Amino acid sequence: MIYGISREWLLDGTGEIYVPSNPLEKKLEEENSLLRKIDKSPLIKEIVEHLTALDNASLAQILAIAKTFSKK
């Protein structure tokens, strides 16, 4: 961080320009970043819409499958 400016933004122009100064701001920025990613992709947006209708057991199964694809 240089003068409160995000390293990511300086290097590749992505994310927010300023780094949040407290944990709540940081959490909000992470959530906003995720929402922007979802909003940019109609396919991801549709998947998320369907996910919100599922119960926890189904979501756990889908998470396990997704982890095998993303290798996280």
Protein backbone atom coordinates (compact mmCIF):
# COMPACT_ATOMS: atom_id res chain seq x y z
CA MET A 1 0.00 0.00 0.00
CA ILE A 2 1.37 3.39 -1.00
CA TYR A 3 -0.42 6.43 0.42
CA GLY A 4 -3.51 4.30 0.99
CA ILE A 5 -3.63 3.20 -2.67
CA SER A 6 -4.20 -0.47 -3.45
CA ARG A 7 -1.22 -2.45 -4.76
CA GLU A 8 -3.57 -4.40 -7.06
CA TRP A 9 -4.89 -1.17 -8.56
CA LEU A 10 -1.39 0.21 -9.09
CA LEU A 11 -0.13 -2.96 -10.78
CA ASP A 12 -3.01 -3.91 -13.04
CA GLY A 13 -5.79 -1.38 -12.59
CA THR A 14 -8.22 -3.81 -10.97
CA GLY A 15 -10.10 -3.45 -7.72
CA GLU A 16 -10.60 -0.27 -5.80
CA ILE A 17 -8.01 2.48 -5.91
CA TYR A 18 -7.95 3.06 -2.15
CA VAL A 19 -7.27 0.47 0.54
CA PRO A 20 -9.88 0.51 3.31
CA SER A 21 -8.45 1.70 6.62
CA ASN A 22 -10.51 -0.44 8.99
CA PRO A 23 -11.70 -4.07 9.02
CA LEU A 24 -15.36 -3.21 8.37
CA GLU A 25 -14.45 -1.17 5.30
CA LYS A 26 -12.21 -4.01 4.11
CA LYS A 27 -15.05 -6.54 4.50
CA LEU A 28 -17.47 -4.26 2.63
CA GLU A 29 -14.96 -3.78 -0.17
CA GLU A 30 -14.48 -7.55 -0.49
CA GLU A 31 -18.24 -8.03 -0.71
CA ASN A 32 -18.59 -5.24 -3.26
CA SER A 33 -15.80 -6.73 -5.34
CA LEU A 34 -17.57 -10.10 -5.38
CA LEU A 35 -20.87 -8.47 -6.31
CA ARG A 36 -19.20 -6.65 -9.21
CA LYS A 37 -17.75 -9.95 -10.48
CA ILE A 38 -21.17 -11.59 -10.31
CA ASP A 39 -22.84 -8.65 -12.02
CA LYS A 40 -20.34 -8.69 -14.92
CA SER A 41 -21.23 -12.25 -15.92
CA PRO A 42 -24.81 -13.09 -16.87
CA LEU A 43 -24.03 -16.81 -16.49
CA ILE A 44 -22.63 -16.43 -12.98
CA LYS A 45 -25.54 -14.17 -12.08
CA GLU A 46 -28.03 -16.82 -13.20
CA ILE A 47 -26.18 -19.53 -11.25
CA VAL A 48 -26.23 -17.40 -8.11
CA GLU A 49 -29.94 -16.77 -8.52
CA HIS A 50 -30.57 -20.53 -8.62
CA LEU A 51 -28.25 -21.14 -5.66
CA THR A 52 -30.26 -18.82 -3.44
CA ALA A 53 -33.25 -21.18 -3.72
CA LEU A 54 -31.38 -24.27 -2.48
CA ASP A 55 -31.23 -25.78 1.00
CA ASN A 56 -27.96 -26.11 2.93
CA ALA A 57 -27.46 -29.79 2.10
CA SER A 58 -27.71 -29.09 -1.63
CA LEU A 59 -25.41 -26.09 -1.31
CA ALA A 60 -22.81 -28.26 0.49
CA GLN A 61 -22.89 -30.77 -2.37
CA ILE A 62 -22.50 -28.04 -4.96
CA LEU A 63 -19.61 -26.49 -3.01
CA ALA A 64 -17.80 -29.84 -2.96
CA ILE A 65 -18.24 -30.16 -6.73
CA ALA A 66 -17.14 -26.57 -7.36
CA LYS A 67 -13.98 -27.08 -5.28
CA THR A 68 -12.96 -30.00 -7.49
CA PHE A 69 -13.18 -27.74 -10.53
CA SER A 70 -11.43 -24.74 -9.01
CA LYS A 71 -8.72 -26.79 -7.21
CA LYS A 72 -8.94 -24.60 -4.10
